[in-house]
């Protein structure tokens, strides 16, 4: 991650937030389905990691030895299928009931994915990202009421 990535992340997050504010009435259902689909993918990855640890003790050779199935362009094993089936069950359950516990499970899995994927080679991009996100949060919490009619 570079410093420019950290800066662009804050600008992109602000643009998405403004777009959601302006058009949320029109795209609420589409946005809700998109978030549910994203949470299914994130939760599937997290559940797969957990099951890999519990069942195979993170032994990559045993995990890779599992028999693959499906068409050649989309191969998966039973552990991946079980993980995404559980994730889909949690996500659809949340979409239909809006249960707070399922919402928290999906939120935690969304927090684990950046921790798994972002690699900081230097400390500076992380410091810049956290500093900008701090000011981003302060701005949108305390000053957005001056730009919107309902606050």
Protein backbone atom coordinates (compact mmCIF):
# COMPACT_ATOMS: atom_id res chain seq x y z
CA UNK A 1 0.00 0.00 0.00
CA UNK A 2 1.28 3.44 -0.91
CA UNK A 3 0.44 6.84 0.55
CA UNK A 4 -1.48 7.68 -2.64
CA UNK A 5 -3.68 4.61 -2.08
CA UNK A 6 -4.49 5.80 1.44
CA UNK A 7 -5.44 9.28 0.19
CA UNK A 8 -7.55 7.91 -2.67
CA UNK A 9 -9.34 5.56 -0.28
CA UNK A 10 -10.63 8.53 1.71
CA UNK A 11 -11.74 10.39 -1.42
CA UNK A 12 -13.47 7.29 -2.78
CA UNK A 13 -15.22 6.68 0.55
CA UNK A 14 -16.45 10.29 0.59
CA UNK A 15 -17.69 10.04 -2.99
CA UNK A 16 -19.57 6.84 -2.20
CA UNK A 17 -21.11 8.39 0.91
CA UNK A 18 -22.29 11.48 -1.01
CA UNK A 19 -23.67 9.29 -3.80
CA UNK A 20 -25.53 7.16 -1.27
CA UNK A 21 -27.01 10.28 0.32
CA UNK A 22 -28.16 11.72 -2.99
CA UNK A 23 -29.54 8.55 -4.57
CA UNK A 24 -30.37 6.21 -1.68
CA UNK A 25 -34.12 6.52 -2.20
CA UNK A 26 -33.70 5.23 -5.75
CA UNK A 27 -31.17 2.47 -5.19
CA UNK A 28 -31.95 1.26 -1.66
CA UNK A 29 -32.97 -2.26 -2.70
CA UNK A 30 -30.08 -2.64 -5.13
CA UNK A 31 -27.65 -1.38 -2.50
CA UNK A 32 -29.07 -3.76 0.11
CA UNK A 33 -28.71 -6.74 -2.24
CA UNK A 34 -25.17 -5.66 -3.15
CA UNK A 35 -24.19 -5.44 0.52
CA UNK A 36 -25.77 -8.84 1.21
CA UNK A 37 -23.86 -10.41 -1.70
CA UNK A 38 -20.59 -8.79 -0.58
CA UNK A 39 -21.12 -9.99 2.97
CA UNK A 40 -21.75 -13.50 1.68
CA UNK A 41 -18.40 -13.51 -0.08
CA UNK A 42 -16.55 -12.00 2.89
CA UNK A 43 -18.19 -14.34 5.38
CA UNK A 44 -17.46 -17.33 3.16
CA UNK A 45 -13.77 -16.49 3.17
CA UNK A 46 -13.71 -16.02 6.95
CA UNK A 47 -15.69 -19.24 7.60
CA UNK A 48 -13.36 -21.12 5.23
CA UNK A 49 -10.35 -19.88 7.20
CA UNK A 50 -11.97 -20.93 10.49
CA UNK A 51 -13.00 -24.36 9.23
CA UNK A 52 -9.55 -24.91 7.72
CA UNK A 53 -8.07 -24.25 11.12
CA UNK A 54 -10.49 -26.43 13.07
CA UNK A 55 -10.59 -29.37 10.67
CA UNK A 56 -7.11 -29.41 9.09
CA UNK A 57 -5.09 -27.34 11.57
CA UNK A 58 -4.16 -24.99 8.67
CA UNK A 59 -2.20 -27.80 6.97
CA UNK A 60 -2.12 -26.47 3.42
CA UNK A 61 -1.12 -29.86 1.96
CA UNK A 62 -4.19 -31.57 3.43
CA UNK A 63 -6.45 -28.73 2.31
CA UNK A 64 -5.05 -28.81 -1.25
CA UNK A 65 -5.47 -32.61 -1.34
CA UNK A 66 -9.26 -32.29 -1.09
CA UNK A 67 -11.04 -33.51 -4.22
CA UNK A 68 -12.10 -30.65 -6.52
CA UNK A 69 -15.50 -30.67 -8.18
CA UNK A 70 -17.50 -28.49 -10.52
CA UNK A 71 -16.86 -27.34 -14.07
CA UNK A 72 -13.29 -26.71 -15.11
CA UNK A 73 -13.70 -22.92 -14.99
CA UNK A 74 -15.10 -23.00 -11.42
CA UNK A 75 -13.42 -25.66 -9.31
CA UNK A 76 -14.20 -25.95 -5.59
CA UNK A 77 -13.94 -28.53 -2.81
CA UNK A 78 -16.44 -29.57 -0.15
CA UNK A 79 -14.89 -27.25 2.47
CA UNK A 80 -15.32 -24.21 0.24
CA UNK A 81 -18.88 -25.26 -0.65
CA UNK A 82 -19.78 -25.72 3.03
CA UNK A 83 -18.20 -22.36 3.93
CA UNK A 84 -20.12 -20.43 1.30
CA UNK A 85 -23.35 -22.31 2.05
CA UNK A 86 -23.06 -21.26 5.71
CA UNK A 87 -22.20 -17.71 4.67
CA UNK A 88 -25.16 -17.55 2.29
CA UNK A 89 -27.45 -18.83 5.05
CA UNK A 90 -26.25 -16.11 7.42
CA UNK A 91 -26.53 -13.40 4.77
CA UNK A 92 -29.99 -14.39 3.57
CA UNK A 93 -31.11 -14.72 7.19
CA UNK A 94 -29.92 -11.18 7.83
CA UNK A 95 -31.55 -9.86 4.64
CA UNK A 96 -34.91 -11.35 5.55
CA UNK A 97 -34.94 -10.65 9.30
CA UNK A 98 -32.46 -7.77 9.83
CA UNK A 99 -31.41 -9.55 13.03
CA UNK A 100 -28.77 -7.66 14.99
CA UNK A 101 -26.72 -10.76 15.79
CA UNK A 102 -26.45 -11.76 12.14
CA UNK A 103 -25.64 -8.14 11.30
CA UNK A 104 -22.75 -8.22 13.78
CA UNK A 105 -21.43 -11.50 12.35
CA UNK A 106 -21.42 -10.02 8.86
CA UNK A 107 -19.79 -6.82 10.13
CA UNK A 108 -17.01 -8.72 11.88
CA UNK A 109 -16.28 -10.73 8.75
CA UNK A 110 -16.15 -7.50 6.73
CA UNK A 111 -13.55 -6.20 9.19
CA UNK A 112 -11.36 -9.30 8.88
CA UNK A 113 -11.01 -9.15 5.09
CA UNK A 114 -8.96 -5.90 4.99
CA UNK A 115 -6.78 -7.25 7.81
CA UNK A 116 -6.16 -10.35 5.71
CA UNK A 117 -5.50 -8.57 2.41
CA UNK A 118 -3.81 -5.23 3.14
CA UNK A 119 -0.05 -5.45 3.57
CA UNK A 120 1.84 -2.41 4.78
CA UNK A 121 5.46 -2.37 3.63
CA UNK A 122 6.11 0.88 5.47
CA UNK A 123 4.49 2.59 8.43
CA UNK A 124 3.79 5.87 6.62
CA UNK A 125 0.83 4.71 4.46
CA UNK A 126 -0.88 3.26 7.54
CA UNK A 127 -0.35 6.45 9.52
CA UNK A 128 -1.66 8.58 6.63
CA UNK A 129 -4.69 6.31 6.17
CA UNK A 130 -5.64 6.32 9.85
CA UNK A 131 -5.10 10.08 10.17
CA UNK A 132 -7.21 10.83 7.10
CA UNK A 133 -9.92 8.42 8.25
CA UNK A 134 -9.99 10.17 11.62
CA UNK A 135 -10.63 13.55 9.96
CA UNK A 136 -13.04 11.89 7.53
CA UNK A 137 -15.05 10.57 10.45
CA UNK A 138 -15.01 13.88 12.32
CA UNK A 139 -16.13 15.73 9.19
CA UNK A 140 -19.01 13.40 8.35
CA UNK A 141 -20.22 13.13 11.95
CA UNK A 142 -20.03 16.77 13.01
CA UNK A 143 -20.05 18.88 9.84
CA UNK A 144 -22.26 17.00 7.40
CA UNK A 145 -25.33 18.68 8.93
CA UNK A 146 -24.21 21.96 7.38
CA UNK A 147 -24.33 20.41 3.90
CA UNK A 148 -27.52 18.35 4.17
CA UNK A 149 -31.02 19.54 4.94
CA UNK A 150 -31.78 16.84 7.56
CA UNK A 151 -28.32 16.66 9.10
